[in-house]
Every structure is written in structure tokens, then in C-alpha cells.
N, C-alpha and C. Protein backbone atom coordinates (compact mmCIF):
# COMPACT_ATOMS: atom_id res chain seq x y z
N MET A 1 -4.07 -10.61 20.11
CA MET A 1 -2.87 -10.20 19.43
C MET A 1 -3.13 -9.98 17.92
N SER A 2 -3.95 -10.90 17.30
CA SER A 2 -4.25 -10.76 15.89
C SER A 2 -5.08 -9.49 15.62
N LYS A 3 -5.92 -9.10 16.59
CA LYS A 3 -6.69 -7.94 16.43
C LYS A 3 -5.85 -6.67 16.39
N ALA A 4 -4.76 -6.66 17.24
CA ALA A 4 -3.81 -5.58 17.19
C ALA A 4 -3.08 -5.46 15.88
N PHE A 5 -2.70 -6.62 15.37
CA PHE A 5 -2.05 -6.62 14.02
C PHE A 5 -3.04 -6.15 12.94
N ALA A 6 -4.30 -6.49 13.08
CA ALA A 6 -5.26 -6.02 12.13
C ALA A 6 -5.41 -4.50 12.11
N VAL A 7 -5.40 -3.92 13.33
CA VAL A 7 -5.45 -2.48 13.47
C VAL A 7 -4.21 -1.83 12.85
N VAL A 8 -3.05 -2.38 13.14
CA VAL A 8 -1.80 -1.88 12.53
C VAL A 8 -1.84 -1.98 11.03
N TYR A 9 -2.33 -3.10 10.55
CA TYR A 9 -2.46 -3.27 9.09
C TYR A 9 -3.33 -2.24 8.47
N LEU A 10 -4.50 -1.96 9.08
CA LEU A 10 -5.43 -0.98 8.57
C LEU A 10 -4.75 0.37 8.53
N ALA A 11 -3.98 0.74 9.57
CA ALA A 11 -3.25 1.97 9.58
C ALA A 11 -2.22 2.03 8.49
N LEU A 12 -1.51 0.91 8.24
CA LEU A 12 -0.53 0.85 7.20
C LEU A 12 -1.13 1.09 5.81
N VAL A 13 -2.31 0.53 5.58
CA VAL A 13 -2.95 0.71 4.27
C VAL A 13 -3.30 2.16 4.13
N GLY A 14 -3.82 2.81 5.19
CA GLY A 14 -4.10 4.22 5.12
C GLY A 14 -2.85 5.09 4.82
N VAL A 15 -1.77 4.73 5.47
CA VAL A 15 -0.49 5.45 5.20
C VAL A 15 0.00 5.21 3.79
N LEU A 16 -0.20 4.00 3.29
CA LEU A 16 0.25 3.70 1.91
C LEU A 16 -0.56 4.51 0.89
N ILE A 17 -1.87 4.61 1.07
CA ILE A 17 -2.68 5.35 0.15
C ILE A 17 -2.38 6.81 0.23
N ALA A 18 -2.26 7.32 1.43
CA ALA A 18 -1.95 8.79 1.60
C ALA A 18 -0.55 9.08 1.04
N GLY A 19 0.40 8.15 1.23
CA GLY A 19 1.71 8.33 0.70
C GLY A 19 1.77 8.29 -0.84
N ALA A 20 0.97 7.38 -1.39
CA ALA A 20 0.90 7.31 -2.87
C ALA A 20 0.37 8.58 -3.46
N VAL A 21 -0.70 9.11 -2.86
CA VAL A 21 -1.26 10.36 -3.36
C VAL A 21 -0.24 11.54 -3.20
N GLY A 22 0.41 11.55 -2.08
CA GLY A 22 1.42 12.62 -1.86
C GLY A 22 2.55 12.52 -2.81
N ILE A 23 3.11 11.33 -3.00
CA ILE A 23 4.26 11.15 -3.86
C ILE A 23 3.81 11.46 -5.36
N TRP A 24 2.64 11.03 -5.74
CA TRP A 24 2.15 11.23 -7.10
C TRP A 24 2.07 12.73 -7.47
N ARG A 25 1.79 13.52 -6.45
CA ARG A 25 1.64 14.97 -6.66
C ARG A 25 2.96 15.74 -6.75
N ILE A 26 4.05 15.12 -6.43
CA ILE A 26 5.36 15.78 -6.46
C ILE A 26 5.83 15.93 -7.88
N HIS A 27 6.26 17.12 -8.26
CA HIS A 27 6.72 17.33 -9.63
C HIS A 27 8.29 17.21 -9.67
N CYS A 28 8.81 16.67 -10.77
CA CYS A 28 10.25 16.55 -10.98
C CYS A 28 10.79 17.84 -11.46
N GLU A 29 11.89 18.22 -10.82
CA GLU A 29 12.65 19.40 -11.23
C GLU A 29 14.11 19.13 -10.91
N GLY A 30 14.88 18.81 -11.92
CA GLY A 30 16.30 18.58 -11.74
C GLY A 30 16.54 17.36 -10.84
N PHE A 31 17.15 17.58 -9.70
CA PHE A 31 17.45 16.50 -8.78
C PHE A 31 16.20 15.94 -8.08
N GLY A 32 15.07 16.70 -8.23
CA GLY A 32 13.85 16.28 -7.60
C GLY A 32 13.39 14.96 -8.06
N CYS A 33 13.70 14.56 -9.32
CA CYS A 33 13.26 13.27 -9.83
C CYS A 33 13.96 12.14 -9.04
N THR A 34 15.18 12.38 -8.61
CA THR A 34 15.82 11.36 -7.78
C THR A 34 15.14 11.17 -6.50
N GLY A 35 14.68 12.29 -5.92
CA GLY A 35 13.94 12.18 -4.68
C GLY A 35 12.61 11.53 -4.84
N VAL A 36 11.95 11.73 -5.92
CA VAL A 36 10.67 11.08 -6.20
C VAL A 36 10.91 9.53 -6.33
N GLY A 37 12.01 9.19 -7.05
CA GLY A 37 12.29 7.78 -7.14
C GLY A 37 12.59 7.12 -5.85
N ILE A 38 13.33 7.81 -4.96
CA ILE A 38 13.61 7.30 -3.64
C ILE A 38 12.31 7.14 -2.81
N ALA A 39 11.45 8.11 -2.96
CA ALA A 39 10.20 8.05 -2.28
C ALA A 39 9.31 6.88 -2.71
N TRP A 40 9.30 6.59 -4.07
CA TRP A 40 8.53 5.46 -4.52
C TRP A 40 9.21 4.14 -4.09
N PHE A 41 10.51 4.09 -4.02
CA PHE A 41 11.21 2.93 -3.55
C PHE A 41 10.83 2.67 -2.06
N ALA A 42 10.82 3.71 -1.27
CA ALA A 42 10.39 3.55 0.16
C ALA A 42 8.95 3.10 0.24
N TRP A 43 8.09 3.63 -0.67
CA TRP A 43 6.68 3.19 -0.64
C TRP A 43 6.54 1.74 -0.93
N VAL A 44 7.30 1.25 -1.93
CA VAL A 44 7.25 -0.16 -2.27
C VAL A 44 7.83 -1.01 -1.12
N ALA A 45 8.86 -0.46 -0.45
CA ALA A 45 9.42 -1.19 0.66
C ALA A 45 8.47 -1.35 1.84
N LEU A 46 7.51 -0.45 1.95
CA LEU A 46 6.45 -0.55 2.94
C LEU A 46 5.23 -1.34 2.41
N PHE A 47 5.03 -1.26 1.12
CA PHE A 47 3.93 -1.95 0.47
C PHE A 47 4.00 -3.45 0.59
N VAL A 48 5.20 -4.02 0.29
CA VAL A 48 5.37 -5.50 0.24
C VAL A 48 5.18 -6.11 1.62
N PRO A 49 5.83 -5.69 2.68
CA PRO A 49 5.61 -6.33 3.97
C PRO A 49 4.17 -6.17 4.45
N SER A 50 3.55 -4.97 4.20
CA SER A 50 2.18 -4.81 4.64
C SER A 50 1.23 -5.71 3.85
N LEU A 51 1.56 -5.97 2.62
CA LEU A 51 0.75 -6.94 1.83
C LEU A 51 0.86 -8.34 2.43
N VAL A 52 2.04 -8.70 2.84
CA VAL A 52 2.19 -10.02 3.48
C VAL A 52 1.41 -10.09 4.75
N ILE A 53 1.42 -9.01 5.55
CA ILE A 53 0.67 -9.00 6.78
C ILE A 53 -0.83 -9.12 6.47
N GLY A 54 -1.31 -8.45 5.43
CA GLY A 54 -2.70 -8.52 5.03
C GLY A 54 -3.10 -9.96 4.60
N LEU A 55 -2.19 -10.55 3.84
CA LEU A 55 -2.47 -11.93 3.38
C LEU A 55 -2.52 -12.93 4.50
N VAL A 56 -1.69 -12.74 5.51
CA VAL A 56 -1.66 -13.63 6.68
C VAL A 56 -2.93 -13.33 7.52
N LEU A 57 -3.25 -12.07 7.68
CA LEU A 57 -4.46 -11.76 8.48
C LEU A 57 -5.74 -12.32 7.92
N ARG A 58 -5.85 -12.37 6.62
CA ARG A 58 -7.10 -12.85 6.00
C ARG A 58 -7.34 -14.32 6.28
N THR A 59 -6.31 -15.05 6.67
CA THR A 59 -6.44 -16.47 6.95
C THR A 59 -6.79 -16.73 8.43
N LEU A 60 -6.72 -15.75 9.25
CA LEU A 60 -6.97 -15.99 10.67
C LEU A 60 -8.45 -15.91 10.99
N SER A 61 -8.87 -16.88 11.73
CA SER A 61 -10.30 -16.92 12.14
C SER A 61 -10.57 -16.19 13.45
N SER A 62 -9.52 -15.79 14.17
CA SER A 62 -9.66 -15.14 15.43
C SER A 62 -10.01 -13.67 15.36
N LEU A 63 -10.11 -13.12 14.17
CA LEU A 63 -10.41 -11.70 14.02
C LEU A 63 -11.82 -11.37 14.27
N GLY A 64 -12.75 -12.30 14.03
CA GLY A 64 -14.15 -11.95 14.13
C GLY A 64 -14.69 -11.59 12.80
N ALA A 65 -15.94 -11.65 12.57
CA ALA A 65 -16.53 -11.46 11.29
C ALA A 65 -16.37 -10.05 10.74
N SER A 66 -16.70 -9.04 11.59
CA SER A 66 -16.72 -7.64 11.13
C SER A 66 -15.26 -7.16 10.86
N LEU A 67 -14.35 -7.50 11.73
CA LEU A 67 -12.96 -7.05 11.53
C LEU A 67 -12.34 -7.76 10.36
N LYS A 68 -12.75 -9.03 10.09
CA LYS A 68 -12.21 -9.76 8.97
C LYS A 68 -12.70 -9.14 7.65
N LYS A 69 -13.98 -8.68 7.64
CA LYS A 69 -14.49 -8.06 6.44
C LYS A 69 -13.75 -6.73 6.17
N ILE A 70 -13.42 -5.97 7.24
CA ILE A 70 -12.69 -4.72 7.09
C ILE A 70 -11.28 -5.01 6.60
N VAL A 71 -10.65 -6.03 7.12
CA VAL A 71 -9.32 -6.39 6.64
C VAL A 71 -9.32 -6.83 5.21
N MET A 72 -10.36 -7.59 4.82
CA MET A 72 -10.46 -8.01 3.42
C MET A 72 -10.64 -6.81 2.48
N LEU A 73 -11.42 -5.88 2.90
CA LEU A 73 -11.67 -4.66 2.15
C LEU A 73 -10.35 -3.85 1.96
N ALA A 74 -9.66 -3.75 3.09
CA ALA A 74 -8.37 -3.04 3.03
C ALA A 74 -7.38 -3.76 2.15
N LEU A 75 -7.39 -5.08 2.20
CA LEU A 75 -6.50 -5.88 1.38
C LEU A 75 -6.82 -5.68 -0.14
N TRP A 76 -8.08 -5.69 -0.44
CA TRP A 76 -8.45 -5.39 -1.88
C TRP A 76 -8.15 -3.97 -2.26
N LEU A 77 -8.27 -3.05 -1.38
CA LEU A 77 -7.92 -1.64 -1.65
C LEU A 77 -6.39 -1.53 -1.86
N GLN A 78 -5.63 -2.21 -1.05
CA GLN A 78 -4.17 -2.16 -1.20
C GLN A 78 -3.75 -2.81 -2.51
N VAL A 79 -4.26 -3.95 -2.82
CA VAL A 79 -3.88 -4.63 -4.09
C VAL A 79 -4.35 -3.80 -5.25
N GLY A 80 -5.54 -3.25 -5.22
CA GLY A 80 -6.00 -2.36 -6.29
C GLY A 80 -5.12 -1.14 -6.47
N THR A 81 -4.77 -0.51 -5.40
CA THR A 81 -3.91 0.66 -5.48
C THR A 81 -2.51 0.26 -6.08
N GLY A 82 -2.04 -0.83 -5.63
CA GLY A 82 -0.71 -1.28 -6.20
C GLY A 82 -0.83 -1.59 -7.65
N ALA A 83 -1.91 -2.25 -8.07
CA ALA A 83 -2.10 -2.59 -9.46
C ALA A 83 -2.26 -1.40 -10.35
N VAL A 84 -3.00 -0.38 -9.86
CA VAL A 84 -3.21 0.84 -10.67
C VAL A 84 -1.85 1.57 -10.79
N LEU A 85 -1.12 1.70 -9.67
CA LEU A 85 0.19 2.39 -9.74
C LEU A 85 1.18 1.66 -10.63
N LEU A 86 1.17 0.33 -10.56
CA LEU A 86 2.04 -0.49 -11.48
C LEU A 86 1.70 -0.23 -12.91
N ALA A 87 0.39 -0.23 -13.25
CA ALA A 87 -0.01 -0.02 -14.62
C ALA A 87 0.36 1.41 -15.09
N LEU A 88 0.21 2.42 -14.24
CA LEU A 88 0.61 3.77 -14.55
C LEU A 88 2.12 3.84 -14.79
N TRP A 89 2.87 3.20 -13.95
CA TRP A 89 4.31 3.23 -14.07
C TRP A 89 4.76 2.54 -15.40
N LEU A 90 4.10 1.44 -15.68
CA LEU A 90 4.46 0.69 -16.90
C LEU A 90 4.08 1.54 -18.14
N SER A 91 2.96 2.19 -18.08
CA SER A 91 2.53 3.03 -19.22
C SER A 91 3.45 4.21 -19.41
N LYS A 92 3.96 4.79 -18.34
CA LYS A 92 4.89 5.96 -18.45
C LYS A 92 6.22 5.44 -18.93
N SER A 93 6.63 4.22 -18.50
CA SER A 93 7.95 3.68 -18.86
C SER A 93 7.98 3.29 -20.36
N ALA A 94 6.81 2.90 -20.91
CA ALA A 94 6.75 2.47 -22.33
C ALA A 94 6.91 3.59 -23.27
N VAL A 95 6.75 4.80 -22.86
CA VAL A 95 6.78 5.97 -23.78
C VAL A 95 8.16 6.39 -24.04
């Protein structure tokens, strides 16, 4: 069961990264900025639960060594992506 959750988590991280790239490339035009804000809100709403899943998965010993390494890599990738996006958002908000 934990291996299935790990596969789902890896897919979620892939969706999050692809979604972040896609949303980042959207340009604001009039009401388009509202849509971009809603898209980022939905992204964060998916980011937080998947982060919790990743944090729980990293504590499980039933994953096996190779899958656990992949989950840890995905967790670092997710946290790094979130940190970079947060820093970019804060720098844009400060202007």
C-alpha cells in the first residue's frame, strides 16, 4: 500500500512542477490576472497535501531503499520548487 502511495506522490510532484511552469508562462491581461491568481491558489491547494504525503512517506521503512531514495529526491524537488516560487512571489510583491 505504501508503494502505491509513493507512486501517486511521485506523479503529484510531476503534476505540480508541470503546473507551476504552465501557470508561470500565463500572461495577465485584464481579468486574466484573476484567473492566474485562482490557478496559483489551486496549485498551492495541491502542493500542501502532497507535501504532507511526501513527509509521511519519507518516514516509512516499507518502501525499500531505491524507492525511498526516489521519494526523498522528489520531496527535495518539491520543497525547492515551492521555496523558489515563494521567493519569486515575495520579490514581485515587494515592488
